[in-house]
Amino acid sequence: MHGERKIQINVNVENTPRFSQLKGVNSVVFPVLWMNESVAIDKENAERFKRQVALPLYLTRTFQITSISIGCILAVISAGSLVWLRFNGRKQVREPYLGASVKTLFCFKRGNH
């Protein structure tokens, strides 16, 4: 595994009448500072780095995608159920359920039990 970081700082130099030293200078971007940092990691430490950093990120991303997928599937099922109930549930007129004890009160006369 190999990594690099580079930085460069520039100054814009322009011809200005205030400084006599810049009279004959064309406008130019002049580099003032250049830094280059690099690092190389051996194979064993690179594998350890991947296990400690890359694997948890991969598992987190997989969990996020799975959770969103399950949520979308449940939302589609819920929406489909609501549409199905809206169009198919209204065709039949349903009478309210009366328990067995209420039905027996209306079927028998008062004296006969």
N, C-alpha and C. Protein backbone atom coordinates (compact mmCIF):
# COMPACT_ATOMS: atom_id res chain seq x y z
N MET A 1 0.85 -1.16 0.00
CA MET A 1 0.00 0.00 0.00
C MET A 1 0.90 1.23 0.00
N HIS A 2 0.51 2.22 -0.78
CA HIS A 2 1.34 3.40 -0.96
C HIS A 2 0.45 4.63 -0.91
N GLY A 3 0.89 5.69 -0.23
CA GLY A 3 0.12 6.92 -0.16
C GLY A 3 1.03 8.13 -0.31
N GLU A 4 0.46 9.20 -0.88
CA GLU A 4 1.21 10.43 -1.08
C GLU A 4 0.34 11.63 -0.77
N ARG A 5 1.02 12.68 -0.31
CA ARG A 5 0.34 13.96 -0.11
C ARG A 5 1.28 15.04 -0.64
N LYS A 6 0.73 15.89 -1.49
CA LYS A 6 1.54 16.94 -2.10
C LYS A 6 0.85 18.29 -1.87
N ILE A 7 1.66 19.32 -1.65
CA ILE A 7 1.12 20.67 -1.49
C ILE A 7 2.07 21.65 -2.17
N GLN A 8 1.48 22.65 -2.81
CA GLN A 8 2.27 23.68 -3.47
C GLN A 8 1.64 25.03 -3.18
N ILE A 9 2.48 26.00 -2.79
CA ILE A 9 2.02 27.36 -2.55
C ILE A 9 2.64 28.26 -3.61
N ASN A 10 1.79 29.04 -4.28
CA ASN A 10 2.23 29.91 -5.37
C ASN A 10 1.95 31.38 -5.02
N VAL A 11 2.71 32.26 -5.66
CA VAL A 11 2.50 33.69 -5.53
C VAL A 11 2.32 34.26 -6.94
N ASN A 12 1.33 35.12 -7.09
CA ASN A 12 1.09 35.76 -8.38
C ASN A 12 1.97 37.01 -8.45
N VAL A 13 2.91 37.04 -9.38
CA VAL A 13 3.82 38.17 -9.56
C VAL A 13 3.37 38.95 -10.79
N GLU A 14 3.09 40.25 -10.59
CA GLU A 14 2.62 41.10 -11.68
C GLU A 14 3.51 42.33 -11.81
N ASN A 15 3.55 42.87 -12.99
CA ASN A 15 4.28 44.11 -13.24
C ASN A 15 3.49 45.27 -12.63
N THR A 16 4.11 46.00 -11.71
CA THR A 16 3.43 47.12 -11.05
C THR A 16 4.38 48.32 -11.01
N PRO A 17 3.89 49.51 -11.18
CA PRO A 17 4.76 50.70 -11.20
C PRO A 17 5.30 51.07 -9.82
N ARG A 18 4.73 50.51 -8.73
CA ARG A 18 5.20 50.85 -7.39
C ARG A 18 6.58 50.28 -7.08
N PHE A 19 6.92 49.14 -7.68
CA PHE A 19 8.22 48.51 -7.43
C PHE A 19 9.06 48.58 -8.70
N SER A 20 10.18 49.25 -8.61
CA SER A 20 11.04 49.39 -9.79
C SER A 20 11.69 48.06 -10.19
N GLN A 21 11.82 47.13 -9.25
CA GLN A 21 12.42 45.83 -9.54
C GLN A 21 11.52 44.98 -10.46
N LEU A 22 10.23 45.24 -10.48
CA LEU A 22 9.29 44.45 -11.28
C LEU A 22 8.96 45.09 -12.62
N LYS A 23 9.72 46.13 -13.00
CA LYS A 23 9.41 46.86 -14.24
C LYS A 23 9.43 45.99 -15.48
N GLY A 24 10.42 45.15 -15.64
CA GLY A 24 10.54 44.34 -16.85
C GLY A 24 10.00 42.92 -16.70
N VAL A 25 9.30 42.63 -15.60
CA VAL A 25 8.82 41.27 -15.35
C VAL A 25 7.41 41.10 -15.92
N ASN A 26 7.22 40.02 -16.63
CA ASN A 26 5.87 39.68 -17.10
C ASN A 26 5.08 39.07 -15.94
N SER A 27 3.75 39.11 -16.04
CA SER A 27 2.90 38.49 -15.01
C SER A 27 3.10 36.99 -15.04
N VAL A 28 3.35 36.40 -13.86
CA VAL A 28 3.62 34.98 -13.77
C VAL A 28 3.19 34.46 -12.40
N VAL A 29 2.87 33.18 -12.35
CA VAL A 29 2.59 32.51 -11.08
C VAL A 29 3.89 31.83 -10.67
N PHE A 30 4.42 32.27 -9.52
CA PHE A 30 5.74 31.81 -9.08
C PHE A 30 5.59 30.84 -7.91
N PRO A 31 6.10 29.59 -8.03
CA PRO A 31 6.00 28.65 -6.92
C PRO A 31 6.96 29.02 -5.79
N VAL A 32 6.42 29.10 -4.56
CA VAL A 32 7.22 29.47 -3.40
C VAL A 32 7.58 28.24 -2.57
N LEU A 33 6.62 27.34 -2.41
CA LEU A 33 6.84 26.16 -1.56
C LEU A 33 6.26 24.93 -2.24
N TRP A 34 7.01 23.85 -2.18
CA TRP A 34 6.56 22.55 -2.71
C TRP A 34 6.90 21.51 -1.66
N MET A 35 5.87 20.75 -1.22
CA MET A 35 6.09 19.67 -0.25
C MET A 35 5.51 18.38 -0.81
N ASN A 36 6.25 17.31 -0.60
CA ASN A 36 5.80 15.99 -1.04
C ASN A 36 6.05 15.02 0.11
N GLU A 37 4.98 14.43 0.61
CA GLU A 37 5.10 13.41 1.65
C GLU A 37 4.59 12.10 1.08
N SER A 38 5.34 11.04 1.30
CA SER A 38 4.89 9.74 0.81
C SER A 38 5.17 8.69 1.88
N VAL A 39 4.39 7.63 1.82
CA VAL A 39 4.53 6.54 2.78
C VAL A 39 4.23 5.23 2.06
N ALA A 40 4.93 4.21 2.47
CA ALA A 40 4.69 2.87 1.94
C ALA A 40 4.50 1.92 3.12
N ILE A 41 3.49 1.08 3.04
CA ILE A 41 3.17 0.13 4.11
C ILE A 41 3.40 -1.27 3.57
N ASP A 42 4.02 -2.11 4.40
CA ASP A 42 4.26 -3.48 3.97
C ASP A 42 2.94 -4.24 3.88
N LYS A 43 2.97 -5.40 3.28
CA LYS A 43 1.76 -6.17 2.98
C LYS A 43 1.01 -6.57 4.26
N GLU A 44 1.74 -6.97 5.30
CA GLU A 44 1.09 -7.40 6.55
C GLU A 44 0.32 -6.25 7.19
N ASN A 45 0.93 -5.08 7.29
CA ASN A 45 0.24 -3.93 7.88
C ASN A 45 -0.87 -3.41 6.98
N ALA A 46 -0.71 -3.55 5.67
CA ALA A 46 -1.77 -3.15 4.75
C ALA A 46 -3.01 -4.03 4.95
N GLU A 47 -2.81 -5.33 5.13
CA GLU A 47 -3.94 -6.23 5.38
C GLU A 47 -4.61 -5.91 6.71
N ARG A 48 -3.81 -5.61 7.72
CA ARG A 48 -4.37 -5.24 9.03
C ARG A 48 -5.17 -3.94 8.92
N PHE A 49 -4.65 -2.98 8.17
CA PHE A 49 -5.36 -1.73 7.96
C PHE A 49 -6.69 -1.97 7.26
N LYS A 50 -6.69 -2.82 6.25
CA LYS A 50 -7.93 -3.13 5.53
C LYS A 50 -8.96 -3.79 6.45
N ARG A 51 -8.48 -4.71 7.31
CA ARG A 51 -9.39 -5.38 8.25
C ARG A 51 -9.99 -4.39 9.23
N GLN A 52 -9.20 -3.46 9.72
CA GLN A 52 -9.66 -2.55 10.76
C GLN A 52 -10.46 -1.38 10.21
N VAL A 53 -10.22 -0.99 8.97
CA VAL A 53 -10.89 0.19 8.43
C VAL A 53 -11.86 -0.18 7.31
N ALA A 54 -11.40 -0.89 6.32
CA ALA A 54 -12.22 -1.15 5.14
C ALA A 54 -13.36 -2.12 5.42
N LEU A 55 -13.11 -3.17 6.19
CA LEU A 55 -14.15 -4.16 6.47
C LEU A 55 -15.33 -3.57 7.24
N PRO A 56 -15.12 -2.82 8.33
CA PRO A 56 -16.27 -2.20 8.99
C PRO A 56 -17.05 -1.23 8.09
N LEU A 57 -16.35 -0.49 7.23
CA LEU A 57 -17.04 0.40 6.30
C LEU A 57 -17.88 -0.40 5.31
N TYR A 58 -17.34 -1.52 4.82
CA TYR A 58 -18.08 -2.38 3.89
C TYR A 58 -19.32 -2.96 4.57
N LEU A 59 -19.16 -3.44 5.81
CA LEU A 59 -20.30 -4.02 6.52
C LEU A 59 -21.37 -2.96 6.82
N THR A 60 -20.94 -1.76 7.18
CA THR A 60 -21.90 -0.69 7.44
C THR A 60 -22.68 -0.34 6.18
N ARG A 61 -21.99 -0.23 5.08
CA ARG A 61 -22.64 0.10 3.81
C ARG A 61 -23.61 -1.01 3.39
N THR A 62 -23.20 -2.27 3.57
CA THR A 62 -24.07 -3.39 3.24
C THR A 62 -25.32 -3.39 4.11
N PHE A 63 -25.17 -3.10 5.41
CA PHE A 63 -26.31 -3.03 6.32
C PHE A 63 -27.26 -1.90 5.91
N GLN A 64 -26.72 -0.76 5.52
CA GLN A 64 -27.56 0.36 5.09
C GLN A 64 -28.37 -0.01 3.85
N ILE A 65 -27.72 -0.60 2.87
CA ILE A 65 -28.41 -0.96 1.63
C ILE A 65 -29.47 -2.01 1.90
N THR A 66 -29.15 -2.99 2.75
CA THR A 66 -30.12 -4.03 3.09
C THR A 66 -31.32 -3.45 3.81
N SER A 67 -31.09 -2.57 4.77
CA SER A 67 -32.18 -1.95 5.52
C SER A 67 -33.08 -1.12 4.62
N ILE A 68 -32.48 -0.35 3.74
CA ILE A 68 -33.28 0.46 2.81
C ILE A 68 -34.08 -0.43 1.86
N SER A 69 -33.48 -1.52 1.40
CA SER A 69 -34.18 -2.43 0.50
C SER A 69 -35.37 -3.08 1.19
N ILE A 70 -35.18 -3.54 2.42
CA ILE A 70 -36.28 -4.15 3.17
C ILE A 70 -37.38 -3.13 3.40
N GLY A 71 -37.01 -1.90 3.74
CA GLY A 71 -38.00 -0.85 3.95
C GLY A 71 -38.79 -0.55 2.69
N CYS A 72 -38.12 -0.51 1.55
CA CYS A 72 -38.81 -0.26 0.28
C CYS A 72 -39.76 -1.41 -0.06
N ILE A 73 -39.32 -2.63 0.16
CA ILE A 73 -40.19 -3.79 -0.11
C ILE A 73 -41.42 -3.74 0.78
N LEU A 74 -41.24 -3.44 2.06
CA LEU A 74 -42.39 -3.35 2.97
C LEU A 74 -43.32 -2.20 2.59
N ALA A 75 -42.76 -1.08 2.12
CA ALA A 75 -43.60 0.04 1.69
C ALA A 75 -44.42 -0.34 0.46
N VAL A 76 -43.82 -1.05 -0.49
CA VAL A 76 -44.55 -1.48 -1.69
C VAL A 76 -45.65 -2.48 -1.32
N ILE A 77 -45.35 -3.41 -0.42
CA ILE A 77 -46.35 -4.38 0.02
C ILE A 77 -47.50 -3.66 0.73
N SER A 78 -47.18 -2.71 1.59
CA SER A 78 -48.22 -1.95 2.30
C SER A 78 -49.09 -1.15 1.33
N ALA A 79 -48.45 -0.48 0.37
CA ALA A 79 -49.21 0.29 -0.61
C ALA A 79 -50.09 -0.63 -1.46
N GLY A 80 -49.55 -1.77 -1.87
CA GLY A 80 -50.34 -2.72 -2.64
C GLY A 80 -51.51 -3.26 -1.85
N SER A 81 -51.30 -3.54 -0.58
CA SER A 81 -52.40 -4.03 0.27
C SER A 81 -53.48 -2.98 0.43
N LEU A 82 -53.08 -1.72 0.60
CA LEU A 82 -54.08 -0.66 0.74
C LEU A 82 -54.87 -0.49 -0.54
N VAL A 83 -54.22 -0.55 -1.69
CA VAL A 83 -54.93 -0.43 -2.97
C VAL A 83 -55.85 -1.61 -3.15
N TRP A 84 -55.38 -2.81 -2.86
CA TRP A 84 -56.22 -4.01 -3.01
C TRP A 84 -57.43 -3.93 -2.09
N LEU A 85 -57.24 -3.53 -0.83
CA LEU A 85 -58.38 -3.40 0.09
C LEU A 85 -59.33 -2.30 -0.35
N ARG A 86 -58.80 -1.26 -0.92
CA ARG A 86 -59.64 -0.14 -1.36
C ARG A 86 -60.57 -0.58 -2.49
N PHE A 87 -60.05 -1.36 -3.43
CA PHE A 87 -60.87 -1.75 -4.58
C PHE A 87 -61.61 -3.06 -4.38
N ASN A 88 -61.06 -4.00 -3.65
CA ASN A 88 -61.71 -5.30 -3.48
C ASN A 88 -62.48 -5.39 -2.18
N GLY A 89 -62.18 -4.63 -1.21
CA GLY A 89 -62.84 -4.70 0.09
C GLY A 89 -64.20 -4.06 0.10
N ARG A 90 -64.51 -3.17 -0.82
CA ARG A 90 -65.79 -2.46 -0.85
C ARG A 90 -66.87 -3.21 -1.61
N LYS A 91 -66.53 -4.27 -2.33
CA LYS A 91 -67.52 -4.99 -3.14
C LYS A 91 -68.50 -5.76 -2.27
N GLN A 92 -68.06 -6.28 -1.17
CA GLN A 92 -68.93 -7.05 -0.30
C GLN A 92 -69.41 -6.18 0.85
N VAL A 93 -70.71 -6.29 1.13
CA VAL A 93 -71.24 -5.58 2.28
C VAL A 93 -71.13 -6.53 3.45
N ARG A 94 -70.42 -6.15 4.41
CA ARG A 94 -70.20 -7.02 5.57
C ARG A 94 -71.09 -6.58 6.71
N GLU A 95 -71.75 -7.56 7.30
CA GLU A 95 -72.57 -7.28 8.47
C GLU A 95 -71.68 -7.37 9.69
N PRO A 96 -71.96 -6.57 10.68
CA PRO A 96 -71.15 -6.64 11.90
C PRO A 96 -71.34 -7.99 12.57
N TYR A 97 -70.30 -8.50 13.15
CA TYR A 97 -70.34 -9.80 13.82
C TYR A 97 -71.01 -9.64 15.17
N LEU A 98 -72.02 -10.45 15.38
CA LEU A 98 -72.67 -10.48 16.69
C LEU A 98 -72.28 -11.78 17.34
N GLY A 99 -71.83 -11.71 18.56
CA GLY A 99 -71.38 -12.91 19.26
C GLY A 99 -72.51 -13.92 19.43
N ALA A 100 -72.19 -15.17 19.72
CA ALA A 100 -73.17 -16.26 19.85
C ALA A 100 -74.15 -15.99 20.98
N SER A 101 -73.73 -15.37 22.04
CA SER A 101 -74.63 -15.13 23.16
C SER A 101 -75.70 -14.11 22.78
N VAL A 102 -75.40 -13.16 21.95
CA VAL A 102 -76.39 -12.17 21.52
C VAL A 102 -77.39 -12.83 20.58
N LYS A 103 -76.95 -13.72 19.70
CA LYS A 103 -77.85 -14.41 18.77
C LYS A 103 -78.81 -15.31 19.54
N THR A 104 -78.35 -15.97 20.56
CA THR A 104 -79.24 -16.85 21.32
C THR A 104 -80.31 -16.08 22.04
N LEU A 105 -80.03 -14.85 22.40
CA LEU A 105 -81.06 -14.04 23.06
C LEU A 105 -82.21 -13.74 22.12
N PHE A 106 -81.92 -13.54 20.84
CA PHE A 106 -82.97 -13.21 19.89
C PHE A 106 -83.68 -14.46 19.37
N CYS A 107 -83.09 -15.64 19.46
CA CYS A 107 -83.67 -16.86 18.90
C CYS A 107 -84.62 -17.55 19.89
N PHE A 108 -84.39 -17.46 21.13
CA PHE A 108 -85.19 -18.15 22.11
C PHE A 108 -86.14 -17.22 22.81
N LYS A 109 -87.26 -17.78 23.23
CA LYS A 109 -88.20 -16.99 24.00
C LYS A 109 -87.72 -16.92 25.43
N ARG A 110 -88.31 -16.04 26.17
CA ARG A 110 -87.86 -15.76 27.50
C ARG A 110 -87.95 -16.98 28.44
N GLY A 111 -88.94 -17.73 28.34
CA GLY A 111 -89.14 -18.83 29.27
C GLY A 111 -88.34 -20.07 28.90
N ASN A 112 -87.98 -20.28 27.69
CA ASN A 112 -87.26 -21.47 27.27
C ASN A 112 -85.75 -21.21 27.24
N HIS A 113 -85.05 -22.01 27.99
CA HIS A 113 -83.59 -21.87 27.97
C HIS A 113 -82.97 -23.09 27.47
